[in-house]
Amino acid sequence: MQRSNDDSPDEARTQRQAKQRERSAQALETADLLANLGSRTARGGVVAVAGQFISILIQVLSLAIMSRLLQPEDFGLMAMSLAITGFAAVFADLGFSTATIQRQELSQNIVSTLFFLNVGTGVLIMLAVWALAPLAAHLLNDPRVLWIIVAMAVTLPISSLSAQHLALLSRRMRWVTLRWITIASQVLGLIVGALLAWRTEAGYWALVASAWATAVASTALAWAVSPWRPGRVEDWKAAREAVHFGLHLMGAQVIFWAARQLDNLLVGARWGPAELGQYSRAYTLYMLPVKFITGPVTSAVIPALSRLQNRPDAWRRSLLDVQGALFLGAGSVCAVLIATSDLIIQVLLGPQWQDSVPLFQILSLSIPLMMVSNTNGFIQISLGRSDRMLKWNLVRLPILIAGFLIGLPYGARGVAIAVTAVAFVLWLPGIAYAAHDTPVSMRMILRRTAAPLLCIAIAATITLLLPMHSGWPLVDLIAKAVFCVALYFCAAALTLAYDSAFASLKTRVLGVWKSKRL
């Protein structure tokens, strides 16, 4: 009788473990997604863009609130610190999240290996950042940066705990769940940061607390909604291919991040946190459309294209249709930002940020090219060619550095001009390199790019020439934005109707619309 009582807890534990193994195995499967991959991708794109729209609204709200509660110097100090901790965050992930999404075949052993590598690396990178923080503060010539870097580094192991859970949710195309995790985390971060900035004299520490709250919330929610749990690693060598892919991707991302943050470091070190605060706010607005559109579309497209990597014709059609839809749809946002850049700064940030206006005006000119260049990752990641991303970024980095150094003596404005000039120089070679030796050609991509770029130029130029000065910046902004969007979509409608490059996209859209009606 005693033996029966002793066995009962063991049997219950065994059953729980078996059920957990089954749930984890289901979280790795993707075969059931292939039957309706096209509609899933379309729905994923819509959900991702809608969710990103909400996310961007939260960011804009946060930008408006925190910019009024804090000083430009606070944002400058945070930007200087993020140049270090953000760079370290790229190492913490090691590209393993994308490796999980991209791989055709996946096992519990491989994902568990990547999970423990993520967590271990997150802890090691945090310790390395702590060790280097005094040197960074010395080089940046501001002791306050030391403790901001130390505090922000703690978010690295926190985020690494959920990296594989979020990757598996993306692999399973659970778009709504992913969007809600992001939105809920952002809202909590905004609430924490705004309350501290409003009710206390925390200053830049309110921005640190906001980042902490966001990281903790995202990790907790990812574990709550994902059925996958890490298990004991039986064979560490089985994940070798995924590790190689991730390390190449990490190398590309490290160089990309260095290129993005080096301008902050240079402006902060040469001209101080106040000048950097103005530049960082303009750059944040500059990056909003890229994050708003290419970010969510990438999260929907990469898993779908990765499932088609062994079917070149289907992969090519899907890629070109996505690029055509992306460029046509995103063009209106680009046109509005170019045409109303001065009004956007006045309305969103307030009068203390007027020095950001010319910086944003200069940067906004390259937004359409940034949108095009960022889609090169669709090709390279979905085909498992992260090594090519690394090689391209190795070519791109010294050109950017040269531009920054040429522009730096002229302050933040000179650096902004350098960013825009390099974008114009590199976008065509970037497309050519990404398309080389793939099922798609540079000519095919340019045919989906040229017309939207022309529509952007027409809409933005005509809107800029409008003599609209009511004395109310918000009224002028809304009026110009509505006019610009209407003008753009008139031109885009003509493109969709008469440009044969968009025939496949038009057929696919009409087919989805008719099926929904039926």
Protein backbone atom coordinates (compact mmCIF):
# COMPACT_ATOMS: atom_id res chain seq x y z
CA MET A 1 0.00 0.00 0.00
CA GLN A 2 2.84 2.35 0.90
CA ARG A 3 4.49 1.65 -2.46
CA SER A 4 1.29 2.63 -4.29
CA ASN A 5 1.20 5.93 -2.44
CA ASP A 6 4.83 6.60 -3.30
CA ASP A 7 4.29 5.81 -6.97
CA SER A 8 1.32 8.12 -7.33
CA PRO A 9 3.28 11.41 -7.23
CA ASP A 10 5.86 9.95 -9.62
CA GLU A 11 3.17 8.93 -12.09
CA ALA A 12 1.56 12.37 -11.89
CA ARG A 13 4.94 14.01 -12.46
CA THR A 14 5.60 11.72 -15.43
CA GLN A 15 2.23 12.60 -16.95
CA ARG A 16 2.87 16.32 -16.51
CA GLN A 17 6.28 15.98 -18.15
CA ALA A 18 4.77 14.01 -21.04
CA LYS A 19 2.10 16.65 -21.59
CA GLN A 20 4.71 19.39 -21.49
CA ARG A 21 6.86 17.55 -24.04
CA GLU A 22 3.82 17.27 -26.29
CA ARG A 23 3.04 21.00 -25.97
CA SER A 24 6.66 21.89 -26.67
CA ALA A 25 6.70 19.62 -29.75
CA GLN A 26 3.54 21.26 -31.09
CA ALA A 27 5.17 24.69 -30.68
CA LEU A 28 7.94 23.58 -33.08
CA GLU A 29 5.74 22.24 -35.90
CA THR A 30 5.04 24.31 -39.03
CA ALA A 31 3.76 21.69 -41.51
CA ASP A 32 0.16 22.67 -40.86
CA LEU A 33 0.91 26.27 -41.92
CA LEU A 34 1.79 25.42 -45.55
CA ALA A 35 -1.78 24.65 -46.63
CA ASN A 36 -2.85 28.29 -46.43
CA LEU A 37 0.50 30.05 -46.22
CA GLY A 38 -0.50 32.90 -48.54
CA SER A 39 -3.59 33.90 -46.60
CA ARG A 40 -1.73 33.50 -43.30
CA THR A 41 1.01 35.80 -44.56
CA ALA A 42 -1.52 38.37 -45.77
CA ARG A 43 -3.38 38.27 -42.46
CA GLY A 44 -0.09 38.41 -40.63
CA GLY A 45 0.94 41.49 -42.57
CA VAL A 46 -2.36 43.23 -41.84
CA VAL A 47 -2.26 42.31 -38.15
CA ALA A 48 1.40 43.27 -37.87
CA VAL A 49 0.90 46.65 -39.54
CA ALA A 50 -2.23 47.36 -37.47
CA GLY A 51 -0.42 46.34 -34.30
CA GLN A 52 2.60 48.36 -35.29
CA PHE A 53 0.35 51.35 -35.91
CA ILE A 54 -0.82 51.10 -32.30
CA SER A 55 2.76 50.57 -31.19
CA ILE A 56 3.94 53.64 -33.09
CA LEU A 57 1.10 55.69 -31.60
CA ILE A 58 2.31 54.65 -28.15
CA GLN A 59 5.87 55.64 -29.12
CA VAL A 60 4.68 58.99 -30.44
CA LEU A 61 2.63 59.53 -27.28
CA SER A 62 5.67 58.60 -25.19
CA LEU A 63 7.81 60.93 -27.29
CA ALA A 64 5.40 63.82 -26.79
CA ILE A 65 4.91 63.22 -23.05
CA MET A 66 8.51 62.52 -22.08
CA SER A 67 9.85 65.36 -24.26
CA ARG A 68 7.72 67.79 -22.23
CA LEU A 69 8.56 66.27 -18.84
CA LEU A 70 12.31 65.93 -19.39
CA GLN A 71 15.09 68.06 -20.84
CA PRO A 72 17.07 67.50 -24.07
CA GLU A 73 20.11 66.72 -21.93
CA ASP A 74 18.28 63.76 -20.34
CA PHE A 75 17.65 62.24 -23.77
CA GLY A 76 21.23 62.96 -24.77
CA LEU A 77 22.56 61.04 -21.77
CA MET A 78 20.23 58.14 -22.53
CA ALA A 79 21.29 58.12 -26.19
CA MET A 80 24.96 58.00 -25.17
CA SER A 81 24.25 55.06 -22.84
CA LEU A 82 22.13 53.20 -25.41
CA ALA A 83 24.97 53.44 -27.89
CA ILE A 84 26.81 51.06 -25.54
CA THR A 85 24.05 48.83 -24.13
CA GLY A 86 22.15 48.64 -27.41
CA PHE A 87 25.32 47.52 -29.15
CA ALA A 88 25.83 44.89 -26.45
CA ALA A 89 22.23 43.68 -26.90
CA VAL A 90 23.06 42.54 -30.44
CA PHE A 91 25.71 40.18 -29.00
CA ALA A 92 23.29 38.90 -26.35
CA ASP A 93 20.89 37.44 -28.94
CA LEU A 94 23.65 36.05 -31.22
CA GLY A 95 21.12 35.93 -34.08
CA PHE A 96 19.63 32.73 -32.65
CA SER A 97 16.05 34.05 -32.64
CA THR A 98 16.14 34.52 -36.40
CA ALA A 99 17.84 31.14 -36.80
CA THR A 100 14.88 29.51 -35.04
CA ILE A 101 12.41 31.29 -37.33
CA GLN A 102 14.32 30.58 -40.54
CA ARG A 103 15.15 26.86 -40.15
CA GLN A 104 13.06 24.33 -42.04
CA GLU A 105 13.48 21.56 -39.44
CA LEU A 106 13.66 22.17 -35.72
CA SER A 107 13.89 19.94 -32.64
CA GLN A 108 13.45 20.37 -28.90
CA ASN A 109 17.16 19.73 -28.47
CA ILE A 110 18.17 22.49 -30.90
CA VAL A 111 15.83 25.13 -29.43
CA SER A 112 16.86 24.25 -25.88
CA THR A 113 20.50 24.62 -26.91
CA LEU A 114 19.82 28.04 -28.41
CA PHE A 115 17.83 29.05 -25.32
CA PHE A 116 20.65 28.25 -22.89
CA LEU A 117 23.20 29.89 -25.18
CA ASN A 118 21.00 33.01 -25.28
CA VAL A 119 20.66 33.18 -21.50
CA GLY A 120 24.31 32.44 -20.79
CA THR A 121 25.44 35.02 -23.31
CA GLY A 122 23.02 37.59 -21.87
CA VAL A 123 24.58 37.21 -18.43
CA LEU A 124 28.14 37.33 -19.77
CA ILE A 125 27.45 40.41 -21.89
CA MET A 126 25.90 42.17 -18.88
CA LEU A 127 29.03 41.49 -16.83
CA ALA A 128 31.24 42.68 -19.71
CA VAL A 129 29.24 45.90 -20.01
CA TRP A 130 29.57 46.48 -16.26
CA ALA A 131 33.34 46.05 -16.54
CA LEU A 132 33.58 48.49 -19.47
CA ALA A 133 31.14 51.07 -18.09
CA PRO A 134 33.81 53.19 -16.31
CA LEU A 135 35.87 53.39 -19.51
CA ALA A 136 32.79 54.35 -21.55
CA ALA A 137 31.89 57.09 -19.06
CA HIS A 138 35.46 58.41 -19.23
CA LEU A 139 35.52 58.44 -23.04
CA LEU A 140 32.10 60.11 -23.19
CA ASN A 141 33.31 62.63 -20.61
CA ASP A 142 30.25 62.38 -18.35
CA PRO A 143 30.22 60.36 -15.07
CA ARG A 144 26.41 60.12 -15.10
CA VAL A 145 26.63 57.76 -18.05
CA LEU A 146 28.37 55.12 -15.88
CA TRP A 147 25.35 54.22 -13.74
CA ILE A 148 22.89 54.50 -16.62
CA ILE A 149 24.94 51.91 -18.53
CA VAL A 150 25.12 49.64 -15.46
CA ALA A 151 21.35 49.83 -14.95
CA MET A 152 20.45 49.35 -18.62
CA ALA A 153 22.73 46.31 -18.92
CA VAL A 154 20.45 44.38 -16.54
CA THR A 155 17.78 44.30 -19.26
CA LEU A 156 20.04 42.07 -21.41
CA PRO A 157 19.67 38.78 -19.48
CA ILE A 158 16.01 39.61 -18.79
CA SER A 159 15.27 39.88 -22.53
CA SER A 160 17.35 36.79 -23.37
CA LEU A 161 15.03 34.65 -21.26
CA SER A 162 12.20 35.19 -23.77
CA ALA A 163 14.16 35.29 -27.04
CA GLN A 164 13.32 31.72 -28.10
CA HIS A 165 9.71 31.93 -26.89
CA LEU A 166 9.09 35.00 -29.05
CA ALA A 167 10.90 33.38 -31.99
CA LEU A 168 8.70 30.29 -31.79
CA LEU A 169 5.55 32.42 -31.65
CA SER A 170 6.75 34.17 -34.81
CA ARG A 171 7.62 30.84 -36.46
CA ARG A 172 4.07 29.66 -35.71
CA MET A 173 2.76 32.96 -37.18
CA ARG A 174 0.90 33.93 -34.01
CA TRP A 175 0.83 37.58 -35.04
CA VAL A 176 -1.92 38.83 -32.75
CA THR A 177 -0.24 37.35 -29.69
CA LEU A 178 3.11 38.91 -30.60
CA ARG A 179 1.55 42.33 -31.18
CA TRP A 180 -0.25 42.28 -27.85
CA ILE A 181 2.93 41.36 -26.02
CA THR A 182 4.70 44.32 -27.60
CA ILE A 183 1.85 46.77 -27.01
CA ALA A 184 1.23 45.74 -23.39
CA SER A 185 4.95 46.00 -22.62
CA GLN A 186 5.19 49.44 -24.18
CA VAL A 187 2.16 50.73 -22.31
CA LEU A 188 3.55 49.56 -18.98
CA GLY A 189 6.93 51.12 -19.78
CA LEU A 190 5.30 54.42 -20.70
CA ILE A 191 3.20 54.49 -17.53
CA VAL A 192 6.19 53.78 -15.29
CA GLY A 193 8.44 56.32 -17.03
CA ALA A 194 5.82 59.08 -17.24
CA LEU A 195 4.79 58.72 -13.59
CA LEU A 196 8.40 58.93 -12.41
CA ALA A 197 9.15 61.93 -14.63
CA TRP A 198 5.96 63.71 -13.55
CA ARG A 199 5.84 62.98 -9.84
CA THR A 200 9.54 62.89 -8.99
CA GLU A 201 12.82 64.57 -9.91
CA ALA A 202 14.15 61.33 -11.40
CA GLY A 203 15.12 62.96 -14.70
CA TYR A 204 16.88 60.52 -17.00
CA TRP A 205 16.26 57.69 -14.50
CA ALA A 206 12.63 57.77 -15.59
CA LEU A 207 13.79 56.62 -19.03
CA VAL A 208 15.82 53.80 -17.43
CA ALA A 209 12.84 52.67 -15.34
CA SER A 210 10.66 52.68 -18.47
CA ALA A 211 13.12 50.37 -20.25
CA TRP A 212 13.22 48.02 -17.25
CA ALA A 213 9.43 47.79 -17.05
CA THR A 214 9.17 47.09 -20.78
CA ALA A 215 11.77 44.29 -20.69
CA VAL A 216 10.27 42.56 -17.63
CA ALA A 217 6.73 42.76 -19.00
CA SER A 218 7.72 41.39 -22.42
CA THR A 219 9.56 38.41 -20.91
CA ALA A 220 6.78 37.56 -18.46
CA LEU A 221 4.09 37.72 -21.14
CA ALA A 222 6.13 35.62 -23.60
CA TRP A 223 6.49 32.82 -21.03
CA ALA A 224 2.82 33.09 -20.13
CA VAL A 225 1.48 32.64 -23.68
CA SER A 226 4.09 30.32 -25.24
CA PRO A 227 3.59 26.58 -24.54
CA TRP A 228 7.26 25.81 -25.18
CA ARG A 229 9.63 25.15 -22.27
CA PRO A 230 13.37 24.43 -22.45
CA GLY A 231 14.55 20.90 -21.73
CA ARG A 232 17.81 19.13 -21.03
CA VAL A 233 20.25 19.37 -23.94
CA GLU A 234 21.19 15.90 -25.20
CA ASP A 235 23.47 16.93 -28.06
CA TRP A 236 25.03 20.40 -28.16
CA LYS A 237 26.55 19.77 -31.61
CA ALA A 238 23.10 19.29 -33.23
CA ALA A 239 22.56 23.05 -33.23
CA ARG A 240 25.83 23.74 -35.08
CA GLU A 241 24.19 24.84 -38.35
CA ALA A 242 21.74 27.15 -36.56
CA VAL A 243 24.61 28.58 -34.51
CA HIS A 244 26.64 29.34 -37.65
CA PHE A 245 23.65 31.09 -39.26
CA GLY A 246 23.03 33.08 -36.07
CA LEU A 247 26.66 34.13 -35.67
CA HIS A 248 26.85 35.43 -39.25
CA LEU A 249 23.60 37.32 -38.70
CA MET A 250 24.87 38.66 -35.39
CA GLY A 251 28.01 39.91 -37.11
CA ALA A 252 25.90 41.75 -39.68
CA GLN A 253 23.68 43.20 -36.96
CA VAL A 254 26.66 44.28 -34.85
CA ILE A 255 28.09 46.23 -37.75
CA PHE A 256 24.67 47.63 -38.61
CA TRP A 257 24.15 48.77 -35.01
CA ALA A 258 27.62 50.27 -34.89
CA ALA A 259 26.80 52.25 -38.02
CA ARG A 260 23.52 53.42 -36.46
CA GLN A 261 25.04 54.42 -33.11
CA LEU A 262 28.43 55.76 -34.10
CA ASP A 263 26.89 59.07 -35.10
CA ASN A 264 25.40 59.39 -31.59
CA LEU A 265 28.76 58.71 -29.97
CA LEU A 266 30.56 61.18 -32.22
CA VAL A 267 28.02 63.97 -31.80
CA GLY A 268 27.83 63.41 -28.04
CA ALA A 269 31.59 63.32 -27.55
CA ARG A 270 32.29 66.30 -29.83
CA TRP A 271 29.28 68.57 -29.20
CA GLY A 272 27.83 67.41 -25.85
CA PRO A 273 24.52 65.88 -24.65
CA ALA A 274 22.34 68.90 -25.49
CA GLU A 275 23.29 68.80 -29.19
CA LEU A 276 22.98 65.03 -29.18
CA GLY A 277 19.52 65.29 -27.57
CA GLN A 278 18.30 67.37 -30.52
CA TYR A 279 19.89 64.98 -33.02
CA SER A 280 18.58 61.83 -31.31
CA ARG A 281 14.98 63.13 -31.29
CA ALA A 282 15.19 63.94 -35.01
CA TYR A 283 16.72 60.53 -35.72
CA THR A 284 14.02 58.77 -33.68
CA LEU A 285 11.32 60.41 -35.81
CA TYR A 286 13.32 59.54 -38.93
CA MET A 287 13.31 55.86 -37.98
CA LEU A 288 9.59 55.72 -37.09
CA PRO A 289 8.31 54.89 -40.61
CA VAL A 290 10.98 52.21 -41.01
CA LYS A 291 9.93 50.61 -37.71
CA PHE A 292 6.27 51.20 -38.44
CA ILE A 293 6.20 49.47 -41.80
CA THR A 294 9.23 47.27 -42.48
CA GLY A 295 9.38 46.04 -38.86
CA PRO A 296 5.98 44.31 -38.74
CA VAL A 297 6.05 43.29 -42.39
CA THR A 298 9.43 41.63 -41.80
CA SER A 299 8.00 39.68 -38.86
CA ALA A 300 5.23 38.37 -41.12
CA VAL A 301 7.21 37.84 -44.32
CA ILE A 302 10.43 36.18 -43.10
CA PRO A 303 8.68 33.09 -41.64
CA ALA A 304 6.56 32.71 -44.79
CA LEU A 305 9.45 33.11 -47.25
CA SER A 306 11.57 30.77 -45.13
CA ARG A 307 8.95 28.05 -45.59
CA LEU A 308 9.25 28.58 -49.38
CA GLN A 309 13.04 28.66 -49.66
CA ASN A 310 13.08 25.29 -51.47
CA ARG A 311 10.41 26.41 -53.99
CA PRO A 312 12.14 29.21 -55.96
CA ASP A 313 9.21 30.18 -58.23
CA ALA A 314 6.76 30.52 -55.34
CA TRP A 315 9.43 32.31 -53.26
CA ARG A 316 10.09 34.83 -56.06
CA ARG A 317 6.39 35.59 -56.65
CA SER A 318 5.77 36.05 -52.93
CA LEU A 319 8.81 38.27 -52.46
CA LEU A 320 7.99 40.56 -55.37
CA ASP A 321 4.32 40.86 -54.39
CA VAL A 322 5.30 41.73 -50.81
CA GLN A 323 7.81 44.32 -51.97
CA GLY A 324 5.32 45.86 -54.39
CA ALA A 325 2.62 46.08 -51.72
CA LEU A 326 5.09 47.42 -49.17
CA PHE A 327 6.48 50.17 -51.39
CA LEU A 328 3.07 51.29 -52.62
CA GLY A 329 1.52 51.22 -49.16
CA ALA A 330 4.42 52.83 -47.30
CA GLY A 331 4.95 55.58 -49.82
CA SER A 332 2.24 57.82 -48.38
CA VAL A 333 3.95 57.82 -44.96
CA CYS A 334 7.29 58.72 -46.55
CA ALA A 335 5.73 61.52 -48.60
CA VAL A 336 3.97 63.03 -45.56
CA LEU A 337 7.13 62.99 -43.45
CA ILE A 338 9.14 64.71 -46.18
CA ALA A 339 6.46 67.34 -46.87
CA THR A 340 5.58 68.18 -43.24
CA SER A 341 8.83 67.59 -41.32
CA ASP A 342 8.90 71.09 -39.78
CA LEU A 343 5.28 70.89 -38.63
CA ILE A 344 5.78 67.41 -37.14
CA ILE A 345 8.55 68.68 -34.84
CA GLN A 346 6.45 71.69 -33.76
CA VAL A 347 3.37 69.62 -32.96
CA LEU A 348 4.93 66.53 -31.40
CA LEU A 349 7.91 67.86 -29.47
CA GLY A 350 7.16 71.50 -28.71
CA PRO A 351 9.13 74.76 -29.00
CA GLN A 352 12.24 73.61 -27.09
CA TRP A 353 13.06 71.23 -29.93
CA GLN A 354 13.24 73.71 -32.80
CA ASP A 355 16.89 72.87 -33.41
CA SER A 356 15.71 69.40 -34.44
CA VAL A 357 13.68 70.76 -37.37
CA PRO A 358 16.51 71.16 -39.95
CA LEU A 359 17.99 67.82 -38.82
CA PHE A 360 14.73 65.99 -39.43
CA GLN A 361 14.18 67.78 -42.74
CA ILE A 362 17.57 66.56 -43.97
CA LEU A 363 17.12 62.99 -42.70
CA SER A 364 13.59 62.68 -44.07
CA LEU A 365 14.87 62.94 -47.65
CA SER A 366 16.41 59.47 -47.37
CA ILE A 367 13.41 57.74 -45.73
CA PRO A 368 12.13 56.15 -49.00
CA LEU A 369 15.58 54.76 -49.78
CA MET A 370 15.87 53.36 -46.25
CA MET A 371 12.55 51.59 -46.75
CA VAL A 372 13.82 49.98 -49.96
CA SER A 373 17.22 49.03 -48.52
CA ASN A 374 15.74 47.40 -45.43
CA THR A 375 13.81 44.88 -47.53
CA ASN A 376 17.10 43.41 -48.76
CA GLY A 377 17.01 41.40 -45.54
CA PHE A 378 13.90 39.57 -46.81
CA ILE A 379 16.08 37.97 -49.46
CA GLN A 380 19.16 37.16 -47.44
CA ILE A 381 17.56 35.92 -44.22
CA SER A 382 14.82 33.79 -45.81
CA LEU A 383 17.40 32.03 -48.01
CA GLY A 384 19.74 31.46 -45.05
CA ARG A 385 22.42 33.76 -46.46
CA SER A 386 23.30 35.71 -43.34
CA ASP A 387 26.98 35.54 -44.40
CA ARG A 388 26.15 37.86 -47.32
CA MET A 389 24.54 40.35 -44.93
CA LEU A 390 27.76 40.34 -42.92
CA LYS A 391 29.92 40.97 -45.99
CA TRP A 392 27.70 43.84 -47.20
CA ASN A 393 27.75 45.56 -43.82
CA LEU A 394 31.54 45.23 -43.73
CA VAL A 395 31.60 47.21 -46.98
CA ARG A 396 28.99 49.71 -45.79
CA LEU A 397 30.52 50.57 -42.41
CA PRO A 398 33.74 52.36 -43.53
CA ILE A 399 31.73 54.46 -46.02
CA LEU A 400 29.42 55.57 -43.21
CA ILE A 401 32.34 56.30 -40.89
CA ALA A 402 33.97 58.45 -43.56
CA GLY A 403 30.71 60.37 -44.02
CA PHE A 404 30.31 60.92 -40.26
CA LEU A 405 33.86 62.20 -39.90
CA ILE A 406 33.44 64.58 -42.83
CA GLY A 407 30.18 65.96 -41.42
CA LEU A 408 31.15 66.06 -37.70
CA PRO A 409 32.98 69.44 -37.73
CA TYR A 410 29.69 71.02 -38.87
CA GLY A 411 27.77 69.68 -35.88
CA ALA A 412 24.65 67.51 -35.87
CA ARG A 413 23.52 69.03 -39.17
CA GLY A 414 26.70 67.88 -40.91
CA VAL A 415 26.22 64.34 -39.59
CA ALA A 416 22.57 64.33 -40.73
CA ILE A 417 23.71 65.33 -44.23
CA ALA A 418 26.22 62.46 -44.16
CA VAL A 419 23.52 59.93 -43.23
CA THR A 420 21.33 61.06 -46.13
CA ALA A 421 24.19 61.22 -48.64
CA VAL A 422 25.38 57.68 -47.84
CA ALA A 423 21.82 56.35 -48.17
CA PHE A 424 21.64 57.78 -51.71
CA VAL A 425 25.06 56.36 -52.62
CA LEU A 426 24.48 52.82 -51.34
CA TRP A 427 20.88 51.90 -52.08
CA LEU A 428 21.39 50.66 -55.66
CA PRO A 429 24.56 48.65 -54.93
CA GLY A 430 22.77 47.19 -51.90
CA ILE A 431 19.90 45.89 -54.02
CA ALA A 432 22.29 44.48 -56.64
CA TYR A 433 24.29 42.58 -54.04
CA ALA A 434 21.24 41.21 -52.22
CA ALA A 435 19.66 39.94 -55.46
CA HIS A 436 22.86 38.40 -56.90
CA ASP A 437 22.66 34.62 -57.41
CA THR A 438 19.08 34.37 -56.11
CA PRO A 439 15.76 33.55 -57.83
CA VAL A 440 15.06 37.30 -58.11
CA SER A 441 16.94 39.92 -60.13
CA MET A 442 17.78 43.55 -59.46
CA ARG A 443 15.66 44.55 -62.46
CA MET A 444 12.59 42.84 -60.97
CA ILE A 445 13.03 44.68 -57.67
CA LEU A 446 13.59 48.06 -59.31
CA ARG A 447 10.42 47.66 -61.35
CA ARG A 448 8.50 47.45 -58.05
CA THR A 449 10.47 50.39 -56.62
CA ALA A 450 10.69 53.06 -59.31
CA ALA A 451 6.98 53.90 -59.56
CA PRO A 452 6.40 54.28 -55.79
CA LEU A 453 9.50 56.48 -55.49
CA LEU A 454 8.18 58.69 -58.28
CA CYS A 455 4.78 58.91 -56.56
CA ILE A 456 6.51 59.96 -53.33
CA ALA A 457 8.50 62.65 -55.10
CA ILE A 458 5.41 64.07 -56.83
CA ALA A 459 3.21 64.09 -53.72
CA ALA A 460 5.88 65.51 -51.39
CA THR A 461 7.02 68.22 -53.81
CA ILE A 462 3.53 69.52 -54.58
CA THR A 463 2.58 69.47 -50.88
CA LEU A 464 5.73 71.39 -49.94
CA LEU A 465 4.78 74.12 -52.43
CA LEU A 466 1.33 74.61 -50.86
CA PRO A 467 1.12 78.11 -49.27
CA MET A 468 -0.61 76.90 -46.10
CA HIS A 469 0.10 79.02 -42.99
CA SER A 470 -2.99 79.30 -40.79
CA GLY A 471 -1.01 80.11 -37.66
CA TRP A 472 -2.12 76.79 -36.11
CA PRO A 473 0.61 74.16 -36.63
CA LEU A 474 -1.70 71.22 -35.90
CA VAL A 475 -4.29 72.42 -38.43
CA ASP A 476 -1.58 72.95 -41.06
CA LEU A 477 -0.13 69.50 -40.35
CA ILE A 478 -3.46 67.71 -40.70
CA ALA A 479 -4.43 69.62 -43.84
CA LYS A 480 -1.09 69.04 -45.56
CA ALA A 481 -0.99 65.38 -44.52
CA VAL A 482 -4.49 64.71 -45.88
CA PHE A 483 -3.69 66.48 -49.15
CA CYS A 484 -0.36 64.64 -49.51
CA VAL A 485 -1.88 61.21 -48.83
CA ALA A 486 -4.74 61.81 -51.27
CA LEU A 487 -2.33 62.98 -53.97
CA TYR A 488 -0.02 60.04 -53.38
CA PHE A 489 -2.74 57.41 -53.58
CA CYS A 490 -4.12 58.93 -56.77
CA ALA A 491 -0.68 58.46 -58.34
CA ALA A 492 -0.33 54.99 -56.77
CA ALA A 493 -3.74 53.92 -58.12
CA LEU A 494 -2.62 54.82 -61.63
CA THR A 495 0.55 52.82 -61.08
CA LEU A 496 -1.37 49.77 -59.89
CA ALA A 497 -3.78 50.03 -62.81
CA TYR A 498 -1.32 50.49 -65.66
CA ASP A 499 2.11 49.22 -64.55
CA SER A 500 2.49 45.57 -65.59
CA ALA A 501 5.06 45.00 -62.83
CA PHE A 502 2.19 45.04 -60.34
CA ALA A 503 -0.11 42.70 -62.29
CA SER A 504 0.58 39.70 -60.03
CA LEU A 505 0.00 41.77 -56.89
CA LYS A 506 -3.26 43.15 -58.29
CA THR A 507 -4.48 39.64 -59.17
CA ARG A 508 -3.63 38.36 -55.71
CA VAL A 509 -5.36 41.27 -53.95
CA LEU A 510 -8.49 40.90 -56.09
CA GLY A 511 -8.53 37.15 -55.46
CA VAL A 512 -8.38 37.62 -51.68
CA TRP A 513 -11.10 40.31 -51.84
CA LYS A 514 -13.44 38.11 -53.91
CA SER A 515 -12.91 35.11 -51.63
CA LYS A 516 -13.79 37.24 -48.61
CA ARG A 517 -17.00 38.42 -50.30
CA LEU A 518 -18.02 34.85 -51.09
